[in-house]
Amino acid sequence: MGDTNIVASPNEKYGGSPFDHNSAKWYHEFLERSYLMEIQSKGGAFTWSNQRSEEEEICEKLDRVLSSLEWGFLFPKAIAVVDIAIASDHAPIILLANGMVKKVKKDFKFKSRWTLEDECSNIVKEEWINTEERNQRGIFRVNLRRTRVKLWKWNREKFGKNKFSTDDIISKIKRQQSLV
């Protein structure tokens, strides 16, 4: 798993010098002779970029996940997920042996800017004061969950969706890296 420095087909290259058919032929012959197979990838089309302006930009799929045929038969649903490149010219690759890409539930994060609003402290007080004494066991978790839901809804109503949120920026990067 990693940088093979080979562009295996013309659709894995954008910009720069022309596609090298000889290198691709050598790569495919190497896989065959070594009884290796490439694990299918999802996500960005390219795994490397020279990070230059549009006119000089070169994007290529250089990073791959290879497996033995035996491993491929043991894990037939395996996929390699190409994530977004942020701190490198290479995109990270995540190998999922079971082939499932699970949506991860977003963690709740209390935003410090909320403390500047009186409404925030009122929501927290309201959810914790209105607790009935009868079921002390598990009440902490219940209050925490109710407070989280109320704060999340209040945040959406009060501030709307921040147009420069981290999620939006990552989505833009993903779209850009997939469309190049």
Protein backbone atom coordinates (compact mmCIF):
# COMPACT_ATOMS: atom_id res chain seq x y z
CA MET A 1 0.00 0.00 0.00
CA GLY A 2 1.56 3.28 -1.04
CA ASP A 3 3.35 5.15 -3.80
CA THR A 4 3.97 2.95 -6.85
CA ASN A 5 5.02 5.92 -9.02
CA ILE A 6 3.20 4.32 -11.96
CA VAL A 7 0.26 5.70 -13.91
CA ALA A 8 -1.48 2.51 -15.04
CA SER A 9 -3.97 3.97 -17.54
CA PRO A 10 -4.53 7.25 -19.40
CA ASN A 11 -7.53 8.23 -17.23
CA GLU A 12 -5.24 8.24 -14.16
CA LYS A 13 -3.33 11.28 -15.42
CA TYR A 14 -4.12 14.95 -15.90
CA GLY A 15 -1.62 17.45 -17.28
CA GLY A 16 2.14 17.18 -17.71
CA SER A 17 3.93 14.85 -20.10
CA PRO A 18 1.95 12.34 -22.19
CA PHE A 19 0.84 9.00 -20.73
CA ASP A 20 3.65 6.41 -20.85
CA HIS A 21 2.24 3.19 -22.34
CA ASN A 22 5.49 1.28 -21.76
CA SER A 23 5.51 1.95 -18.01
CA ALA A 24 1.86 0.92 -17.75
CA LYS A 25 2.56 -2.29 -19.69
CA TRP A 26 5.50 -3.08 -17.41
CA TYR A 27 3.32 -2.44 -14.31
CA HIS A 28 0.54 -4.79 -15.49
CA GLU A 29 3.07 -7.50 -16.39
CA PHE A 30 4.68 -7.11 -12.95
CA LEU A 31 1.30 -7.61 -11.25
CA GLU A 32 0.64 -10.72 -13.32
CA ARG A 33 4.09 -12.26 -12.73
CA SER A 34 3.89 -11.52 -8.99
CA TYR A 35 0.35 -12.85 -8.60
CA LEU A 36 -0.77 -9.49 -7.25
CA MET A 37 -4.00 -7.64 -7.74
CA GLU A 38 -4.93 -4.03 -7.19
CA ILE A 39 -7.65 -3.34 -4.64
CA GLN A 40 -10.41 -1.17 -6.11
CA SER A 41 -10.33 2.41 -4.87
CA LYS A 42 -13.09 4.93 -4.20
CA GLY A 43 -12.92 8.62 -3.54
CA GLY A 44 -10.62 11.00 -5.36
CA ALA A 45 -9.56 10.08 -8.89
CA PHE A 46 -5.96 11.15 -8.26
CA THR A 47 -3.63 10.48 -5.33
CA TRP A 48 -0.85 12.95 -6.14
CA SER A 49 -0.67 16.55 -7.35
CA ASN A 50 2.23 18.90 -7.99
CA GLN A 51 0.06 21.60 -6.35
CA ARG A 52 0.71 24.26 -8.97
CA SER A 53 -1.60 26.69 -10.74
CA GLU A 54 -4.19 25.38 -13.22
CA GLU A 55 -1.98 25.84 -16.30
CA GLU A 56 0.94 23.91 -14.76
CA GLU A 57 -1.03 21.46 -12.62
CA ILE A 58 -0.32 17.75 -12.87
CA CYS A 59 -2.51 15.18 -11.11
CA GLU A 60 -1.88 11.43 -11.19
CA LYS A 61 -2.96 8.25 -9.48
CA LEU A 62 0.39 7.05 -8.13
CA ASP A 63 -0.66 5.48 -4.82
CA ARG A 64 -2.30 2.07 -4.75
CA VAL A 65 -3.19 -0.88 -2.57
CA LEU A 66 -1.98 -4.23 -3.87
CA SER A 67 -2.72 -7.65 -2.45
CA SER A 68 -1.91 -11.26 -3.12
CA LEU A 69 -4.62 -13.23 -4.90
CA GLU A 70 -5.14 -15.27 -1.73
CA TRP A 71 -5.73 -12.16 0.37
CA GLY A 72 -8.08 -10.83 -2.32
CA PHE A 73 -10.15 -14.04 -2.10
CA LEU A 74 -10.25 -13.81 1.72
CA PHE A 75 -11.42 -10.18 1.57
CA PRO A 76 -13.42 -9.85 -1.68
CA LYS A 77 -15.21 -6.68 -0.52
CA ALA A 78 -12.01 -4.79 0.37
CA ILE A 79 -11.76 -1.25 -0.95
CA ALA A 80 -9.18 1.49 -0.73
CA VAL A 81 -10.64 4.89 0.10
CA VAL A 82 -8.71 7.86 -1.26
CA ASP A 83 -9.14 10.71 1.20
CA ILE A 84 -8.38 14.39 0.61
CA ALA A 85 -4.79 15.64 0.51
CA ILE A 86 -4.38 18.51 2.96
CA ALA A 87 -0.84 18.51 4.34
CA SER A 88 0.93 16.61 1.57
CA ASP A 89 1.08 16.34 -2.19
CA HIS A 90 -0.13 12.71 -1.78
CA ALA A 91 -3.65 11.82 -0.67
CA PRO A 92 -3.95 9.39 2.23
CA ILE A 93 -5.41 5.96 1.46
CA ILE A 94 -7.50 4.03 3.94
CA LEU A 95 -7.91 0.28 3.45
CA LEU A 96 -11.30 -1.11 4.46
CA ALA A 97 -11.05 -4.91 4.45
CA ASN A 98 -14.83 -5.38 4.74
CA GLY A 99 -15.57 -2.78 2.09
CA MET A 100 -17.93 -0.75 4.24
CA VAL A 101 -17.75 2.98 4.46
CA LYS A 102 -19.71 3.86 7.57
CA LYS A 103 -21.10 7.30 8.15
CA VAL A 104 -19.61 8.40 11.43
CA LYS A 105 -21.98 10.27 13.69
CA LYS A 106 -20.65 13.75 14.33
CA ASP A 107 -19.49 14.41 17.85
CA PHE A 108 -21.22 17.23 19.66
CA LYS A 109 -18.90 20.15 20.27
CA PHE A 110 -19.79 23.00 22.60
CA LYS A 111 -18.83 26.22 20.85
CA SER A 112 -17.19 28.91 22.98
CA ARG A 113 -19.04 31.66 21.11
CA TRP A 114 -22.31 30.34 22.59
CA THR A 115 -21.25 31.56 26.04
CA LEU A 116 -21.61 35.13 24.77
CA GLU A 117 -25.36 34.56 24.35
CA ASP A 118 -27.74 34.60 27.33
CA GLU A 119 -30.00 32.15 25.52
CA CYS A 120 -27.32 29.46 25.76
CA SER A 121 -27.09 29.52 29.55
CA ASN A 122 -30.91 29.63 29.74
CA ILE A 123 -31.16 26.45 27.63
CA VAL A 124 -28.64 24.64 29.82
CA LYS A 125 -30.36 25.75 33.06
CA GLU A 126 -33.79 24.83 31.72
CA GLU A 127 -32.75 21.29 30.79
CA TRP A 128 -31.04 20.61 34.12
CA ILE A 129 -33.53 22.31 36.47
CA ASN A 130 -36.56 20.55 34.99
CA THR A 131 -35.24 17.16 36.03
CA GLU A 132 -37.61 14.98 38.02
CA GLU A 133 -36.03 13.33 41.05
CA ARG A 134 -37.76 9.94 40.54
CA ASN A 135 -35.20 8.37 38.21
CA GLN A 136 -31.73 9.38 39.34
CA ARG A 137 -30.09 6.43 37.62
CA GLY A 138 -29.17 7.48 34.10
CA ILE A 139 -30.60 10.98 34.54
CA PHE A 140 -27.19 12.57 33.94
CA ARG A 141 -26.97 10.95 30.50
CA VAL A 142 -30.57 11.87 29.67
CA ASN A 143 -30.04 15.51 30.68
CA LEU A 144 -26.82 15.67 28.71
CA ARG A 145 -28.52 14.28 25.60
CA ARG A 146 -31.52 16.64 25.90
CA THR A 147 -29.21 19.63 26.45
CA ARG A 148 -27.10 18.66 23.43
CA VAL A 149 -30.17 18.38 21.18
CA LYS A 150 -31.60 21.72 22.35
CA LEU A 151 -28.25 23.51 21.93
CA TRP A 152 -27.76 22.01 18.48
CA LYS A 153 -31.23 23.17 17.35
CA TRP A 154 -30.74 26.59 18.92
CA ASN A 155 -27.38 26.98 17.20
CA ARG A 156 -28.93 26.19 13.78
CA GLU A 157 -31.78 28.67 14.37
CA LYS A 158 -29.60 31.42 15.84
CA PHE A 159 -26.48 31.24 13.68
CA GLY A 160 -27.63 29.20 10.68
CA LYS A 161 -25.08 27.14 8.83
CA ASN A 162 -21.68 28.80 8.93
CA LYS A 163 -20.71 29.30 5.28
CA PHE A 164 -17.07 28.74 6.16
CA SER A 165 -17.53 25.61 8.28
CA THR A 166 -14.91 22.87 8.29
CA ASP A 167 -17.36 20.45 6.66
CA ASP A 168 -18.00 22.86 3.79
CA ILE A 169 -14.30 23.44 3.21
CA ILE A 170 -13.54 19.70 3.21
CA SER A 171 -16.45 19.08 0.79
CA LYS A 172 -15.06 21.75 -1.56
CA ILE A 173 -11.60 20.16 -1.43
CA LYS A 174 -13.07 16.70 -2.14
CA ARG A 175 -15.06 18.02 -5.12
CA GLN A 176 -12.00 19.82 -6.47
CA GLN A 177 -9.74 16.78 -6.16
CA SER A 178 -12.34 14.53 -7.80
CA LEU A 179 -13.08 16.87 -10.73
CA VAL A 180 -9.56 17.78 -11.81
